[in-house]
Amino acid sequence: MAISFLLFSAPVFLVIADTLLPSALLSSSLSLKTLSTHFNNYSFQYSLIDIPIISIIRSAIIICVYGFCDGPRLSKGPYLGITAICSVSSLAFVSLKASFVFGSGVTQKGHVITSMETALFVCSMVMGVAHIIVAYRTSCRERRKLLVYKIDIEAVSF
């Protein structure tokens, strides 16, 4: 059952993973403070709280578009286009943020960047690329379904 969920509901599975993984990595790499403390001390160059937020926003937009599209609309532009736009823009943001964070080499409190923080950036980038791949595969699968349904078996002569 789990394998069929992964094969046929890859966009849903990826959205769940994209929402949970960056948040879990951030919570394991930062000290336990309230969310408001992270927002009050926010600095683009040092704070990492915006990476899970970008992942959640990206996932919310993609799952909404996926939910509104059905067979023929999944095979054409809206789902693949919006997924590509969201993923590429979030990849650009995370890349820009990584250049600032890794360029300085230290976090806001002067701590050296840990492997969990590096994993947070890598996870967000991988999930962005994975969204594009899954959207492309989903649109191709729906196009193949449409082609199969267009074949008129009675018109084929032996």
N, C-alpha and C. Protein backbone atom coordinates (compact mmCIF):
# COMPACT_ATOMS: atom_id res chain seq x y z
N MET A 1 0.83 -1.19 0.00
CA MET A 1 0.00 0.00 0.00
C MET A 1 0.87 1.25 0.00
N ALA A 2 1.94 1.21 0.75
CA ALA A 2 2.83 2.38 0.81
C ALA A 2 3.50 2.62 -0.54
N ILE A 3 3.86 1.54 -1.24
CA ILE A 3 4.50 1.70 -2.54
C ILE A 3 3.52 2.28 -3.55
N SER A 4 2.27 1.86 -3.53
CA SER A 4 1.29 2.43 -4.45
C SER A 4 1.03 3.90 -4.13
N PHE A 5 1.07 4.26 -2.84
CA PHE A 5 0.93 5.67 -2.46
C PHE A 5 2.08 6.48 -3.03
N LEU A 6 3.30 5.95 -2.97
CA LEU A 6 4.45 6.66 -3.51
C LEU A 6 4.38 6.79 -5.02
N LEU A 7 3.88 5.77 -5.70
CA LEU A 7 3.84 5.81 -7.15
C LEU A 7 2.73 6.69 -7.68
N PHE A 8 1.55 6.63 -7.08
CA PHE A 8 0.41 7.33 -7.64
C PHE A 8 0.12 8.67 -6.98
N SER A 9 0.66 8.89 -5.82
CA SER A 9 0.45 10.16 -5.14
C SER A 9 1.78 10.83 -4.82
N ALA A 10 2.68 10.78 -5.74
CA ALA A 10 4.00 11.37 -5.53
C ALA A 10 3.93 12.86 -5.21
N PRO A 11 3.07 13.65 -5.87
CA PRO A 11 3.00 15.07 -5.50
C PRO A 11 2.56 15.29 -4.05
N VAL A 12 1.61 14.49 -3.59
CA VAL A 12 1.13 14.63 -2.21
C VAL A 12 2.23 14.22 -1.23
N PHE A 13 2.88 13.09 -1.51
CA PHE A 13 3.96 12.62 -0.65
C PHE A 13 5.10 13.64 -0.58
N LEU A 14 5.45 14.22 -1.73
CA LEU A 14 6.53 15.20 -1.77
C LEU A 14 6.17 16.47 -1.02
N VAL A 15 4.92 16.90 -1.10
CA VAL A 15 4.49 18.08 -0.35
C VAL A 15 4.59 17.84 1.15
N ILE A 16 4.19 16.65 1.59
CA ILE A 16 4.28 16.32 3.02
C ILE A 16 5.74 16.30 3.46
N ALA A 17 6.59 15.68 2.66
CA ALA A 17 8.01 15.62 3.00
C ALA A 17 8.64 17.01 2.98
N ASP A 18 8.26 17.84 2.00
CA ASP A 18 8.82 19.19 1.90
C ASP A 18 8.37 20.07 3.05
N THR A 19 7.22 19.80 3.59
CA THR A 19 6.73 20.58 4.72
C THR A 19 7.41 20.16 6.02
N LEU A 20 7.62 18.86 6.19
CA LEU A 20 8.13 18.36 7.46
C LEU A 20 9.66 18.35 7.58
N LEU A 21 10.37 17.97 6.52
CA LEU A 21 11.82 17.82 6.62
C LEU A 21 12.57 19.11 6.98
N PRO A 22 12.36 20.21 6.27
CA PRO A 22 13.10 21.42 6.65
C PRO A 22 12.76 21.92 8.05
N SER A 23 11.51 21.77 8.46
CA SER A 23 11.13 22.17 9.81
C SER A 23 11.82 21.31 10.85
N ALA A 24 11.90 20.01 10.60
CA ALA A 24 12.57 19.11 11.54
C ALA A 24 14.07 19.38 11.61
N LEU A 25 14.67 19.65 10.45
CA LEU A 25 16.10 19.96 10.45
C LEU A 25 16.40 21.27 11.16
N LEU A 26 15.53 22.26 10.97
CA LEU A 26 15.75 23.54 11.65
C LEU A 26 15.58 23.39 13.15
N SER A 27 14.56 22.65 13.58
CA SER A 27 14.34 22.50 15.01
C SER A 27 15.47 21.71 15.67
N SER A 28 16.10 20.81 14.94
CA SER A 28 17.21 20.06 15.54
C SER A 28 18.51 20.86 15.54
N SER A 29 18.63 21.85 14.66
CA SER A 29 19.87 22.60 14.59
C SER A 29 19.86 23.85 15.45
N LEU A 30 18.69 24.35 15.80
CA LEU A 30 18.61 25.57 16.61
C LEU A 30 18.25 25.24 18.04
N SER A 31 18.59 26.15 18.90
CA SER A 31 18.21 25.97 20.31
C SER A 31 16.71 26.16 20.44
N LEU A 32 16.15 25.66 21.52
CA LEU A 32 14.71 25.72 21.73
C LEU A 32 14.31 27.13 22.20
N LYS A 33 13.85 27.91 21.27
CA LYS A 33 13.31 29.23 21.57
C LYS A 33 11.93 29.30 20.92
N THR A 34 11.19 30.28 21.32
CA THR A 34 9.87 30.43 20.72
C THR A 34 10.00 30.97 19.31
N LEU A 35 8.97 30.78 18.54
CA LEU A 35 8.96 31.25 17.16
C LEU A 35 9.06 32.76 17.10
N SER A 36 8.41 33.44 18.04
CA SER A 36 8.46 34.90 18.02
C SER A 36 9.88 35.42 18.28
N THR A 37 10.66 34.70 19.07
CA THR A 37 12.05 35.10 19.31
C THR A 37 12.86 35.02 18.03
N HIS A 38 12.61 33.98 17.24
CA HIS A 38 13.32 33.86 15.96
C HIS A 38 12.95 34.99 15.01
N PHE A 39 11.67 35.36 15.00
CA PHE A 39 11.26 36.45 14.12
C PHE A 39 11.74 37.81 14.61
N ASN A 40 11.80 38.02 15.91
CA ASN A 40 12.29 39.28 16.45
C ASN A 40 13.78 39.47 16.19
N ASN A 41 14.54 38.39 16.19
CA ASN A 41 15.98 38.45 15.96
C ASN A 41 16.34 38.13 14.51
N TYR A 42 15.40 38.30 13.60
CA TYR A 42 15.62 37.91 12.21
C TYR A 42 16.64 38.81 11.53
N SER A 43 17.55 38.18 10.85
CA SER A 43 18.51 38.85 9.99
C SER A 43 18.69 37.96 8.77
N PHE A 44 18.57 38.52 7.59
CA PHE A 44 18.65 37.72 6.38
C PHE A 44 19.98 36.97 6.30
N GLN A 45 21.02 37.61 6.77
CA GLN A 45 22.35 37.03 6.65
C GLN A 45 22.60 35.88 7.62
N TYR A 46 21.91 35.87 8.77
CA TYR A 46 22.22 34.89 9.80
C TYR A 46 21.07 33.94 10.15
N SER A 47 19.86 34.41 10.09
CA SER A 47 18.73 33.62 10.54
C SER A 47 18.35 32.56 9.51
N LEU A 48 17.93 31.39 9.98
CA LEU A 48 17.56 30.30 9.09
C LEU A 48 16.07 29.98 9.15
N ILE A 49 15.31 30.76 9.86
CA ILE A 49 13.88 30.48 10.05
C ILE A 49 13.09 30.60 8.74
N ASP A 50 13.59 31.37 7.79
CA ASP A 50 12.83 31.58 6.57
C ASP A 50 12.91 30.41 5.58
N ILE A 51 13.86 29.53 5.73
CA ILE A 51 13.97 28.39 4.80
C ILE A 51 12.79 27.42 4.97
N PRO A 52 12.43 26.99 6.19
CA PRO A 52 11.23 26.15 6.29
C PRO A 52 9.95 26.89 5.90
N ILE A 53 9.91 28.19 6.15
CA ILE A 53 8.72 28.97 5.75
C ILE A 53 8.59 29.00 4.23
N ILE A 54 9.70 29.16 3.52
CA ILE A 54 9.68 29.12 2.06
C ILE A 54 9.23 27.74 1.57
N SER A 55 9.68 26.69 2.22
CA SER A 55 9.27 25.33 1.84
C SER A 55 7.78 25.11 2.06
N ILE A 56 7.27 25.62 3.17
CA ILE A 56 5.84 25.47 3.46
C ILE A 56 5.00 26.25 2.47
N ILE A 57 5.41 27.47 2.15
CA ILE A 57 4.67 28.28 1.17
C ILE A 57 4.71 27.60 -0.20
N ARG A 58 5.89 27.14 -0.61
CA ARG A 58 6.03 26.45 -1.90
C ARG A 58 5.12 25.23 -1.94
N SER A 59 5.11 24.44 -0.88
CA SER A 59 4.28 23.23 -0.83
C SER A 59 2.80 23.56 -0.85
N ALA A 60 2.40 24.61 -0.14
CA ALA A 60 0.99 25.00 -0.09
C ALA A 60 0.49 25.42 -1.47
N ILE A 61 1.29 26.20 -2.17
CA ILE A 61 0.89 26.65 -3.52
C ILE A 61 0.80 25.45 -4.46
N ILE A 62 1.79 24.57 -4.40
CA ILE A 62 1.82 23.43 -5.32
C ILE A 62 0.66 22.47 -5.05
N ILE A 63 0.35 22.20 -3.79
CA ILE A 63 -0.74 21.26 -3.50
C ILE A 63 -2.09 21.87 -3.85
N CYS A 64 -2.24 23.18 -3.72
CA CYS A 64 -3.49 23.83 -4.13
C CYS A 64 -3.69 23.72 -5.63
N VAL A 65 -2.64 23.98 -6.39
CA VAL A 65 -2.75 23.87 -7.86
C VAL A 65 -3.00 22.42 -8.26
N TYR A 66 -2.32 21.49 -7.61
CA TYR A 66 -2.52 20.07 -7.90
C TYR A 66 -3.95 19.65 -7.58
N GLY A 67 -4.51 20.17 -6.50
CA GLY A 67 -5.87 19.84 -6.12
C GLY A 67 -6.92 20.40 -7.07
N PHE A 68 -6.64 21.57 -7.65
CA PHE A 68 -7.60 22.19 -8.57
C PHE A 68 -7.53 21.61 -9.98
N CYS A 69 -6.41 21.02 -10.32
CA CYS A 69 -6.25 20.46 -11.66
C CYS A 69 -6.69 18.99 -11.65
N ASP A 70 -7.31 18.59 -12.74
CA ASP A 70 -7.64 17.18 -12.91
C ASP A 70 -6.93 16.68 -14.16
N GLY A 71 -7.29 15.53 -14.68
CA GLY A 71 -6.60 14.89 -15.78
C GLY A 71 -6.11 15.77 -16.91
N PRO A 72 -7.01 16.38 -17.69
CA PRO A 72 -6.52 17.18 -18.83
C PRO A 72 -5.71 18.41 -18.39
N ARG A 73 -6.07 19.00 -17.28
CA ARG A 73 -5.31 20.19 -16.84
C ARG A 73 -3.97 19.82 -16.22
N LEU A 74 -3.85 18.59 -15.71
CA LEU A 74 -2.54 18.15 -15.22
C LEU A 74 -1.59 17.90 -16.37
N SER A 75 -2.13 17.53 -17.52
CA SER A 75 -1.28 17.24 -18.66
C SER A 75 -0.79 18.49 -19.36
N LYS A 76 -1.43 19.60 -19.11
CA LYS A 76 -1.03 20.85 -19.77
C LYS A 76 -0.35 21.77 -18.77
N GLY A 77 -0.35 23.04 -19.01
CA GLY A 77 0.48 24.00 -18.34
C GLY A 77 0.33 24.35 -16.89
N PRO A 78 -0.87 24.50 -16.32
CA PRO A 78 -0.94 25.15 -15.00
C PRO A 78 -0.14 24.45 -13.90
N TYR A 79 -0.28 23.16 -13.77
CA TYR A 79 0.40 22.46 -12.67
C TYR A 79 1.92 22.50 -12.85
N LEU A 80 2.38 22.12 -14.02
CA LEU A 80 3.81 22.09 -14.27
C LEU A 80 4.39 23.50 -14.26
N GLY A 81 3.68 24.45 -14.83
CA GLY A 81 4.18 25.82 -14.89
C GLY A 81 4.30 26.48 -13.52
N ILE A 82 3.26 26.36 -12.73
CA ILE A 82 3.28 26.98 -11.40
C ILE A 82 4.27 26.27 -10.49
N THR A 83 4.37 24.96 -10.62
CA THR A 83 5.37 24.22 -9.83
C THR A 83 6.77 24.66 -10.21
N ALA A 84 7.04 24.82 -11.48
CA ALA A 84 8.36 25.26 -11.92
C ALA A 84 8.66 26.68 -11.42
N ILE A 85 7.68 27.56 -11.51
CA ILE A 85 7.89 28.94 -11.05
C ILE A 85 8.15 28.97 -9.55
N CYS A 86 7.35 28.27 -8.78
CA CYS A 86 7.54 28.23 -7.32
C CYS A 86 8.88 27.61 -6.95
N SER A 87 9.23 26.52 -7.59
CA SER A 87 10.47 25.83 -7.26
C SER A 87 11.70 26.63 -7.65
N VAL A 88 11.68 27.21 -8.84
CA VAL A 88 12.84 27.98 -9.29
C VAL A 88 13.01 29.24 -8.44
N SER A 89 11.91 29.90 -8.10
CA SER A 89 12.03 31.10 -7.27
C SER A 89 12.51 30.75 -5.86
N SER A 90 12.05 29.63 -5.31
CA SER A 90 12.54 29.24 -3.99
C SER A 90 14.00 28.77 -4.05
N LEU A 91 14.39 28.13 -5.15
CA LEU A 91 15.79 27.75 -5.33
C LEU A 91 16.68 28.99 -5.42
N ALA A 92 16.21 30.01 -6.10
CA ALA A 92 16.98 31.25 -6.20
C ALA A 92 17.12 31.91 -4.82
N PHE A 93 16.04 31.92 -4.06
CA PHE A 93 16.10 32.51 -2.72
C PHE A 93 17.05 31.74 -1.81
N VAL A 94 16.94 30.41 -1.81
CA VAL A 94 17.80 29.60 -0.95
C VAL A 94 19.25 29.70 -1.39
N SER A 95 19.50 29.77 -2.69
CA SER A 95 20.88 29.93 -3.16
C SER A 95 21.46 31.26 -2.74
N LEU A 96 20.67 32.32 -2.84
CA LEU A 96 21.12 33.64 -2.40
C LEU A 96 21.38 33.64 -0.90
N LYS A 97 20.48 33.04 -0.15
CA LYS A 97 20.64 32.96 1.30
C LYS A 97 21.87 32.13 1.66
N ALA A 98 22.10 31.04 0.95
CA ALA A 98 23.27 30.19 1.22
C ALA A 98 24.57 30.95 0.97
N SER A 99 24.57 31.78 -0.07
CA SER A 99 25.79 32.54 -0.32
C SER A 99 26.09 33.52 0.80
N PHE A 100 25.05 34.09 1.40
CA PHE A 100 25.27 35.00 2.54
C PHE A 100 25.68 34.22 3.79
N VAL A 101 24.98 33.12 4.07
CA VAL A 101 25.25 32.37 5.30
C VAL A 101 26.61 31.69 5.23
N PHE A 102 26.89 31.01 4.13
CA PHE A 102 28.15 30.30 4.03
C PHE A 102 29.31 31.23 3.72
N GLY A 103 29.01 32.41 3.20
CA GLY A 103 30.06 33.40 2.95
C GLY A 103 30.63 33.94 4.25
N SER A 104 29.77 34.10 5.25
CA SER A 104 30.26 34.60 6.53
C SER A 104 30.85 33.48 7.38
N GLY A 105 30.33 32.25 7.21
CA GLY A 105 30.88 31.10 7.93
C GLY A 105 30.42 30.96 9.36
N VAL A 106 29.68 31.94 9.89
CA VAL A 106 29.18 31.86 11.26
C VAL A 106 27.72 32.26 11.29
N THR A 107 27.03 31.82 12.32
CA THR A 107 25.64 32.19 12.51
C THR A 107 25.57 33.47 13.32
N GLN A 108 24.37 33.88 13.68
CA GLN A 108 24.15 35.15 14.35
C GLN A 108 24.88 35.24 15.69
N LYS A 109 24.90 34.19 16.45
CA LYS A 109 25.52 34.21 17.77
C LYS A 109 27.02 33.92 17.72
N GLY A 110 27.58 33.80 16.52
CA GLY A 110 29.00 33.52 16.40
C GLY A 110 29.32 32.04 16.36
N HIS A 111 28.32 31.18 16.33
CA HIS A 111 28.56 29.74 16.25
C HIS A 111 28.94 29.37 14.82
N VAL A 112 29.77 28.38 14.71
CA VAL A 112 30.15 27.87 13.40
C VAL A 112 28.95 27.12 12.82
N ILE A 113 28.80 27.18 11.50
CA ILE A 113 27.68 26.52 10.84
C ILE A 113 27.84 25.01 10.99
N THR A 114 26.77 24.36 11.44
CA THR A 114 26.79 22.92 11.68
C THR A 114 26.37 22.15 10.44
N SER A 115 26.54 20.85 10.50
CA SER A 115 26.14 20.00 9.38
C SER A 115 24.62 19.97 9.23
N MET A 116 23.88 20.15 10.33
CA MET A 116 22.42 20.17 10.23
C MET A 116 21.94 21.41 9.47
N GLU A 117 22.61 22.53 9.66
CA GLU A 117 22.25 23.73 8.93
C GLU A 117 22.59 23.59 7.45
N THR A 118 23.69 22.93 7.15
CA THR A 118 24.03 22.65 5.76
C THR A 118 23.00 21.71 5.15
N ALA A 119 22.58 20.71 5.93
CA ALA A 119 21.56 19.77 5.46
C ALA A 119 20.24 20.48 5.20
N LEU A 120 19.95 21.53 5.95
CA LEU A 120 18.73 22.31 5.75
C LEU A 120 18.73 22.96 4.37
N PHE A 121 19.84 23.55 3.99
CA PHE A 121 19.95 24.16 2.67
C PHE A 121 19.86 23.11 1.57
N VAL A 122 20.58 22.02 1.74
CA VAL A 122 20.58 20.96 0.72
C VAL A 122 19.19 20.35 0.59
N CYS A 123 18.53 20.12 1.71
CA CYS A 123 17.19 19.54 1.69
C CYS A 123 16.20 20.44 0.95
N SER A 124 16.28 21.73 1.22
CA SER A 124 15.37 22.66 0.55
C SER A 124 15.62 22.70 -0.95
N MET A 125 16.88 22.66 -1.34
CA MET A 125 17.20 22.67 -2.77
C MET A 125 16.78 21.38 -3.45
N VAL A 126 17.03 20.26 -2.80
CA VAL A 126 16.65 18.96 -3.37
C VAL A 126 15.12 18.86 -3.51
N MET A 127 14.41 19.34 -2.51
CA MET A 127 12.94 19.29 -2.58
C MET A 127 12.41 20.19 -3.70
N GLY A 128 13.05 21.33 -3.92
CA GLY A 128 12.64 22.20 -5.02
C GLY A 128 12.81 21.52 -6.37
N VAL A 129 13.94 20.87 -6.57
CA VAL A 129 14.18 20.15 -7.82
C VAL A 129 13.24 18.95 -7.93
N ALA A 130 13.01 18.27 -6.82
CA ALA A 130 12.11 17.11 -6.83
C ALA A 130 10.69 17.51 -7.20
N HIS A 131 10.24 18.68 -6.76
CA HIS A 131 8.90 19.15 -7.15
C HIS A 131 8.80 19.29 -8.67
N ILE A 132 9.82 19.83 -9.29
CA ILE A 132 9.80 20.00 -10.74
C ILE A 132 9.79 18.63 -11.44
N ILE A 133 10.60 17.70 -10.96
CA ILE A 133 10.66 16.37 -11.57
C ILE A 133 9.32 15.65 -11.43
N VAL A 134 8.74 15.70 -10.24
CA VAL A 134 7.45 15.02 -10.01
C VAL A 134 6.35 15.67 -10.84
N ALA A 135 6.35 16.99 -10.94
CA ALA A 135 5.34 17.66 -11.76
C ALA A 135 5.48 17.29 -13.23
N TYR A 136 6.70 17.20 -13.72
CA TYR A 136 6.92 16.81 -15.10
C TYR A 136 6.47 15.37 -15.35
N ARG A 137 6.82 14.48 -14.44
CA ARG A 137 6.41 13.08 -14.59
C ARG A 137 4.89 12.94 -14.51
N THR A 138 4.26 13.71 -13.62
CA THR A 138 2.80 13.66 -13.49
C THR A 138 2.14 14.17 -14.76
N SER A 139 2.65 15.26 -15.32
CA SER A 139 2.04 15.78 -16.55
C SER A 139 2.26 14.82 -17.72
N CYS A 140 3.41 14.17 -17.78
CA CYS A 140 3.65 13.17 -18.83
C CYS A 140 2.72 11.98 -18.69
N ARG A 141 2.52 11.53 -17.45
CA ARG A 141 1.62 10.39 -17.20
C ARG A 141 0.19 10.75 -17.62
N GLU A 142 -0.25 11.95 -17.33
CA GLU A 142 -1.60 12.36 -17.72
C GLU A 142 -1.72 12.52 -19.23
N ARG A 143 -0.66 12.99 -19.90
CA ARG A 143 -0.69 13.07 -21.36
C ARG A 143 -0.78 11.69 -21.99
N ARG A 144 -0.05 10.72 -21.42
CA ARG A 144 -0.14 9.35 -21.93
C ARG A 144 -1.55 8.79 -21.75
N LYS A 145 -2.18 9.09 -20.62
CA LYS A 145 -3.55 8.63 -20.39
C LYS A 145 -4.49 9.22 -21.42
N LEU A 146 -4.32 10.49 -21.72
CA LEU A 146 -5.18 11.12 -22.72
C LEU A 146 -4.97 10.50 -24.10
N LEU A 147 -3.74 10.17 -24.44
CA LEU A 147 -3.48 9.54 -25.73
C LEU A 147 -4.10 8.15 -25.80
N VAL A 148 -4.05 7.41 -24.71
CA VAL A 148 -4.63 6.06 -24.70
C VAL A 148 -6.14 6.15 -24.86
N TYR A 149 -6.76 7.11 -24.20
CA TYR A 149 -8.21 7.23 -24.29
C TYR A 149 -8.66 7.75 -25.66
N LYS A 150 -7.79 8.42 -26.42
CA LYS A 150 -8.15 8.93 -27.74
C LYS A 150 -8.11 7.84 -28.81
N ILE A 151 -7.44 6.73 -28.54
CA ILE A 151 -7.34 5.66 -29.54
C ILE A 151 -8.71 4.99 -29.69
N ASP A 152 -9.17 4.93 -30.89
CA ASP A 152 -10.44 4.27 -31.19
C ASP A 152 -10.11 2.85 -31.64
N ILE A 153 -10.38 1.89 -30.80
CA ILE A 153 -10.00 0.50 -31.07
C ILE A 153 -10.78 -0.04 -32.27
N GLU A 154 -12.00 0.38 -32.46
CA GLU A 154 -12.79 -0.14 -33.59
C GLU A 154 -12.29 0.39 -34.92
N ALA A 155 -11.62 1.53 -34.94
CA ALA A 155 -11.12 2.08 -36.20
C ALA A 155 -9.85 1.40 -36.66
N VAL A 156 -9.20 0.66 -35.79
CA VAL A 156 -7.97 -0.02 -36.17
C VAL A 156 -8.34 -1.28 -36.97
N SER A 157 -7.79 -1.37 -38.17
CA SER A 157 -8.09 -2.56 -38.99
C SER A 157 -6.96 -3.55 -38.88
N PHE A 158 -7.31 -4.79 -38.88
CA PHE A 158 -6.30 -5.84 -38.78
C PHE A 158 -5.90 -6.16 -40.17
